[in-house]
Amino acid sequence: MIIVPVKDGESIEKSLKKFKKKIEKTGMVRELRDRQKFTKPSVVKRMQKIKAVYVQKMHQSEDNS
């Protein structure tokens, strides 16, 4: 359960922003979206490899700069 303490005089918009940020950090929304459809394990592995290659290239480009 996510609790967002609201200070006196704090606007609702600011509290909602805090709440949304906390939910995003927990990864709840992403997990719910992933559970809506089935993804084959082979596709998941392929996507992980693609992401790993991308991240590795980004680190190499940082080192070369």
Protein backbone atom coordinates (compact mmCIF):
# COMPACT_ATOMS: atom_id res chain seq x y z
CA MET A 1 0.00 0.00 0.00
CA ILE A 2 1.40 3.36 -1.03
CA ILE A 3 0.96 6.25 1.38
CA VAL A 4 1.59 9.86 0.41
CA PRO A 5 1.66 12.27 3.35
CA VAL A 6 -0.04 15.56 2.50
CA LYS A 7 1.25 18.68 4.23
CA ASP A 8 -0.98 21.56 5.27
CA GLY A 9 -1.55 23.93 2.39
CA GLU A 10 -0.13 21.54 -0.20
CA SER A 11 -2.11 21.37 -3.42
CA ILE A 12 -3.83 18.22 -4.63
CA GLU A 13 -1.90 18.36 -7.90
CA LYS A 14 1.42 18.20 -6.06
CA SER A 15 0.21 15.26 -3.96
CA LEU A 16 -1.00 13.43 -7.08
CA LYS A 17 2.38 14.01 -8.70
CA LYS A 18 4.12 12.43 -5.68
CA PHE A 19 1.69 9.50 -5.77
CA LYS A 20 2.23 8.87 -9.48
CA LYS A 21 6.01 9.02 -9.03
CA LYS A 22 5.88 6.46 -6.20
CA ILE A 23 3.72 4.10 -8.28
CA GLU A 24 6.09 4.45 -11.23
CA LYS A 25 9.08 3.59 -9.03
CA THR A 26 7.42 0.41 -7.77
CA GLY A 27 6.81 -0.78 -11.35
CA MET A 28 3.21 -1.74 -10.66
CA VAL A 29 1.76 -0.24 -13.82
CA ARG A 30 4.41 -1.85 -16.05
CA GLU A 31 3.79 -5.24 -14.47
CA LEU A 32 0.03 -4.93 -14.94
CA ARG A 33 0.50 -4.05 -18.61
CA ASP A 34 2.85 -6.99 -19.10
CA ARG A 35 0.33 -9.35 -17.52
CA GLN A 36 -2.45 -8.29 -19.90
CA LYS A 37 -0.88 -10.20 -22.77
CA PHE A 38 1.23 -13.34 -22.92
CA THR A 39 4.73 -13.01 -24.31
CA LYS A 40 6.59 -16.12 -25.34
CA PRO A 41 9.80 -16.81 -23.41
CA SER A 42 11.82 -16.76 -26.63
CA VAL A 43 10.55 -13.25 -27.41
CA VAL A 44 11.36 -12.08 -23.88
CA LYS A 45 14.93 -13.42 -24.20
CA ARG A 46 15.36 -11.78 -27.60
CA MET A 47 14.20 -8.42 -26.25
CA GLN A 48 16.57 -8.73 -23.27
CA LYS A 49 19.48 -9.43 -25.63
CA ILE A 50 18.61 -6.43 -27.79
CA LYS A 51 18.41 -4.22 -24.72
CA ALA A 52 21.74 -5.54 -23.39
CA VAL A 53 23.47 -4.82 -26.71
CA TYR A 54 22.02 -1.31 -26.74
CA VAL A 55 23.17 -0.60 -23.18
CA GLN A 56 26.63 -1.98 -23.92
CA LYS A 57 26.97 0.28 -26.98
CA MET A 58 25.89 3.28 -24.89
CA HIS A 59 28.55 2.51 -22.27
CA GLN A 60 31.21 2.11 -24.95
CA SER A 61 30.30 5.43 -26.54
CA GLU A 62 30.55 7.13 -23.13
CA ASP A 63 34.01 5.65 -22.57
CA ASN A 64 35.22 6.79 -25.99
CA SER A 65 34.02 10.37 -25.49
